[in-house]
Amino acid sequence: MKNTIIWFEINVADLDRAKKFYDHVLQTNIRKEEMEGYPPMGIIPDEGVNGALVEDEEYEAPEHSGVMLYFDGSSGINPYLERVEESGGEVLVPRSFVNESVGYWAAFSDLDGNLLAFYEPPQ
């Protein structure tokens, strides 16, 4: 099995607002798609594990609990965290050292209160 995880979805109340946030934070261009029988989605482009923002107008994020999704921060976590704050998100845990074999991590919440993180491997 190449990847244990192959797809993820981040529920959001307002797809346009979330797209603007994630486009800036991740420095990407999320592609909006509407498919019959499915809610509006924003496909997050990637060559590895793929995922989407999924609109649910009644969505309420759990209070900083549940499964945590880690984005690739191998180019350095701090610029991502700066963009999180610039875009209205909240840094919950700043870039933090785990140990020499693991590296660094940081946690944040998006505009909908979803708990997410960045991972930066050791150099």
C-alpha atoms as a PDB file:
ATOM      1  CA  MET A   1       0.000   0.000   0.000  1.00  0.00           C
ATOM      2  CA  LYS A   2       1.615   3.262  -1.147  1.00  0.00           C
ATOM      3  CA  ASN A   3      -0.427   5.623   1.071  1.00  0.00           C
ATOM      4  CA  THR A   4      -2.581   4.553   3.985  1.00  0.00           C
ATOM      5  CA  ILE A   5      -4.609   7.752   3.634  1.00  0.00           C
ATOM      6  CA  ILE A   6      -5.787   8.645   0.112  1.00  0.00           C
ATOM      7  CA  TRP A   7      -8.520  11.274   0.617  1.00  0.00           C
ATOM      8  CA  PHE A   8      -9.607  13.763   3.257  1.00  0.00           C
ATOM      9  CA  GLU A   9     -12.466  16.226   3.619  1.00  0.00           C
ATOM     10  CA  ILE A  10     -12.583  19.392   5.687  1.00  0.00           C
ATOM     11  CA  ASN A  11     -16.148  20.490   6.392  1.00  0.00           C
ATOM     12  CA  VAL A  12     -16.783  24.230   6.105  1.00  0.00           C
ATOM     13  CA  ALA A  13     -19.873  26.428   6.456  1.00  0.00           C
ATOM     14  CA  ASP A  14     -18.995  28.781   3.564  1.00  0.00           C
ATOM     15  CA  LEU A  15     -16.973  27.330   0.693  1.00  0.00           C
ATOM     16  CA  ASP A  16     -16.000  30.683  -0.858  1.00  0.00           C
ATOM     17  CA  ARG A  17     -14.720  32.016   2.474  1.00  0.00           C
ATOM     18  CA  ALA A  18     -12.830  28.776   3.219  1.00  0.00           C
ATOM     19  CA  LYS A  19     -11.341  28.684  -0.295  1.00  0.00           C
ATOM     20  CA  LYS A  20      -9.960  32.196   0.148  1.00  0.00           C
ATOM     21  CA  PHE A  21      -8.464  31.216   3.545  1.00  0.00           C
ATOM     22  CA  TYR A  22      -6.822  27.973   2.349  1.00  0.00           C
ATOM     23  CA  ASP A  23      -5.672  29.437  -0.979  1.00  0.00           C
ATOM     24  CA  HIS A  24      -3.713  32.059   0.981  1.00  0.00           C
ATOM     25  CA  VAL A  25      -2.469  29.824   3.812  1.00  0.00           C
ATOM     26  CA  LEU A  26      -1.358  26.950   1.558  1.00  0.00           C
ATOM     27  CA  GLN A  27      -0.336  29.177  -1.375  1.00  0.00           C
ATOM     28  CA  THR A  28      -2.445  27.103  -3.764  1.00  0.00           C
ATOM     29  CA  ASN A  29      -5.484  27.407  -6.002  1.00  0.00           C
ATOM     30  CA  ILE A  30      -8.355  25.263  -4.777  1.00  0.00           C
ATOM     31  CA  ARG A  31     -10.678  24.223  -7.611  1.00  0.00           C
ATOM     32  CA  LYS A  32     -14.411  24.597  -6.945  1.00  0.00           C
ATOM     33  CA  GLU A  33     -16.549  21.716  -8.191  1.00  0.00           C
ATOM     34  CA  GLU A  34     -20.222  20.922  -8.133  1.00  0.00           C
ATOM     35  CA  MET A  35     -21.243  17.329  -8.738  1.00  0.00           C
ATOM     36  CA  GLU A  36     -24.789  16.081  -8.881  1.00  0.00           C
ATOM     37  CA  GLY A  37     -25.840  14.533  -5.593  1.00  0.00           C
ATOM     38  CA  TYR A  38     -22.929  16.014  -3.618  1.00  0.00           C
ATOM     39  CA  PRO A  39     -22.468  19.286  -1.752  1.00  0.00           C
ATOM     40  CA  PRO A  40     -20.252  21.993  -3.304  1.00  0.00           C
ATOM     41  CA  MET A  41     -16.559  21.129  -2.932  1.00  0.00           C
ATOM     42  CA  GLY A  42     -13.197  22.800  -3.261  1.00  0.00           C
ATOM     43  CA  ILE A  43     -10.619  20.267  -4.463  1.00  0.00           C
ATOM     44  CA  ILE A  44      -7.196  20.829  -2.878  1.00  0.00           C
ATOM     45  CA  PRO A  45      -4.561  20.122  -5.560  1.00  0.00           C
ATOM     46  CA  ASP A  46      -1.710  17.831  -4.609  1.00  0.00           C
ATOM     47  CA  GLU A  47       0.450  15.156  -6.177  1.00  0.00           C
ATOM     48  CA  GLY A  48       0.161  12.890  -3.134  1.00  0.00           C
ATOM     49  CA  VAL A  49      -2.832  12.573  -0.827  1.00  0.00           C
ATOM     50  CA  ASN A  50      -5.781  14.571  -2.153  1.00  0.00           C
ATOM     51  CA  GLY A  51      -8.691  16.169  -0.375  1.00  0.00           C
ATOM     52  CA  ALA A  52     -11.433  18.743  -0.475  1.00  0.00           C
ATOM     53  CA  LEU A  53     -13.239  21.464   1.382  1.00  0.00           C
ATOM     54  CA  VAL A  54     -16.883  20.365   1.607  1.00  0.00           C
ATOM     55  CA  GLU A  55     -19.614  22.960   2.132  1.00  0.00           C
ATOM     56  CA  ASP A  56     -22.249  22.338   4.799  1.00  0.00           C
ATOM     57  CA  GLU A  57     -24.045  25.569   5.703  1.00  0.00           C
ATOM     58  CA  GLU A  58     -25.049  24.138   9.091  1.00  0.00           C
ATOM     59  CA  TYR A  59     -21.580  22.808   9.948  1.00  0.00           C
ATOM     60  CA  GLU A  60     -20.238  23.410  13.451  1.00  0.00           C
ATOM     61  CA  ALA A  61     -16.718  22.163  14.158  1.00  0.00           C
ATOM     62  CA  PRO A  62     -16.094  20.095  17.282  1.00  0.00           C
ATOM     63  CA  GLU A  63     -14.431  22.074  20.064  1.00  0.00           C
ATOM     64  CA  HIS A  64     -10.779  21.439  19.092  1.00  0.00           C
ATOM     65  CA  SER A  65     -11.155  17.679  19.255  1.00  0.00           C
ATOM     66  CA  GLY A  66     -11.340  14.730  16.906  1.00  0.00           C
ATOM     67  CA  VAL A  67      -8.961  13.611  14.181  1.00  0.00           C
ATOM     68  CA  MET A  68      -6.194  16.101  13.397  1.00  0.00           C
ATOM     69  CA  LEU A  69      -5.022  16.540   9.816  1.00  0.00           C
ATOM     70  CA  TYR A  70      -1.380  17.593   9.339  1.00  0.00           C
ATOM     71  CA  PHE A  71      -0.382  19.624   6.283  1.00  0.00           C
ATOM     72  CA  ASP A  72       3.151  19.421   4.886  1.00  0.00           C
ATOM     73  CA  GLY A  73       5.263  22.131   6.498  1.00  0.00           C
ATOM     74  CA  SER A  74       8.609  20.760   5.335  1.00  0.00           C
ATOM     75  CA  SER A  75       9.539  24.108   3.775  1.00  0.00           C
ATOM     76  CA  GLY A  76       9.189  25.720   7.231  1.00  0.00           C
ATOM     77  CA  ILE A  77       6.096  26.047   9.417  1.00  0.00           C
ATOM     78  CA  ASN A  78       6.319  29.701  10.458  1.00  0.00           C
ATOM     79  CA  PRO A  79       5.351  31.285   7.098  1.00  0.00           C
ATOM     80  CA  TYR A  80       2.211  29.128   7.096  1.00  0.00           C
ATOM     81  CA  LEU A  81       1.337  30.241  10.622  1.00  0.00           C
ATOM     82  CA  GLU A  82       1.785  33.884   9.633  1.00  0.00           C
ATOM     83  CA  ARG A  83      -0.672  33.373   6.776  1.00  0.00           C
ATOM     84  CA  VAL A  84      -3.121  31.596   9.121  1.00  0.00           C
ATOM     85  CA  GLU A  85      -3.216  34.711  11.316  1.00  0.00           C
ATOM     86  CA  GLU A  86      -3.311  37.113   8.322  1.00  0.00           C
ATOM     87  CA  SER A  87      -6.360  35.230   7.045  1.00  0.00           C
ATOM     88  CA  GLY A  88      -8.295  35.276  10.329  1.00  0.00           C
ATOM     89  CA  GLY A  89      -7.417  31.819  11.654  1.00  0.00           C
ATOM     90  CA  GLU A  90      -5.919  31.193  15.087  1.00  0.00           C
ATOM     91  CA  VAL A  91      -2.548  29.653  15.914  1.00  0.00           C
ATOM     92  CA  LEU A  92      -3.222  27.305  18.836  1.00  0.00           C
ATOM     93  CA  VAL A  93       0.261  25.801  19.226  1.00  0.00           C
ATOM     94  CA  PRO A  94       3.244  27.679  17.742  1.00  0.00           C
ATOM     95  CA  ARG A  95       6.035  25.798  15.947  1.00  0.00           C
ATOM     96  CA  SER A  96       7.152  23.321  18.612  1.00  0.00           C
ATOM     97  CA  PHE A  97      10.072  20.906  18.733  1.00  0.00           C
ATOM     98  CA  VAL A  98       9.135  17.281  19.432  1.00  0.00           C
ATOM     99  CA  ASN A  99      12.556  15.602  19.300  1.00  0.00           C
ATOM    100  CA  GLU A 100      15.491  15.123  16.915  1.00  0.00           C
ATOM    101  CA  SER A 101      13.951  12.153  15.097  1.00  0.00           C
ATOM    102  CA  VAL A 102      10.440  13.614  14.717  1.00  0.00           C
ATOM    103  CA  GLY A 103      10.962  17.338  14.081  1.00  0.00           C
ATOM    104  CA  TYR A 104       8.413  20.116  14.599  1.00  0.00           C
ATOM    105  CA  TRP A 105       4.685  20.657  14.589  1.00  0.00           C
ATOM    106  CA  ALA A 106       2.182  23.470  15.062  1.00  0.00           C
ATOM    107  CA  ALA A 107      -1.609  23.548  15.414  1.00  0.00           C
ATOM    108  CA  PHE A 108      -4.183  26.063  14.231  1.00  0.00           C
ATOM    109  CA  SER A 109      -7.909  26.504  13.779  1.00  0.00           C
ATOM    110  CA  ASP A 110      -9.420  27.687  10.519  1.00  0.00           C
ATOM    111  CA  LEU A 111     -12.330  30.114  10.105  1.00  0.00           C
ATOM    112  CA  ASP A 112     -14.816  27.353  10.939  1.00  0.00           C
ATOM    113  CA  GLY A 113     -12.985  26.236  14.091  1.00  0.00           C
ATOM    114  CA  ASN A 114     -11.543  23.044  12.564  1.00  0.00           C
ATOM    115  CA  LEU A 115      -8.412  21.839  14.371  1.00  0.00           C
ATOM    116  CA  LEU A 116      -5.533  21.337  11.908  1.00  0.00           C
ATOM    117  CA  ALA A 117      -1.746  21.231  12.038  1.00  0.00           C
ATOM    118  CA  PHE A 118       1.515  21.510  10.134  1.00  0.00           C
ATOM    119  CA  TYR A 119       4.396  19.037  10.335  1.00  0.00           C
ATOM    120  CA  GLU A 120       8.040  19.897   9.623  1.00  0.00           C
ATOM    121  CA  PRO A 121      10.479  16.955   9.574  1.00  0.00           C
ATOM    122  CA  PRO A 122      13.939  17.285  11.121  1.00  0.00           C
ATOM    123  CA  GLN A 123      16.583  18.787   8.846  1.00  0.00           C
END
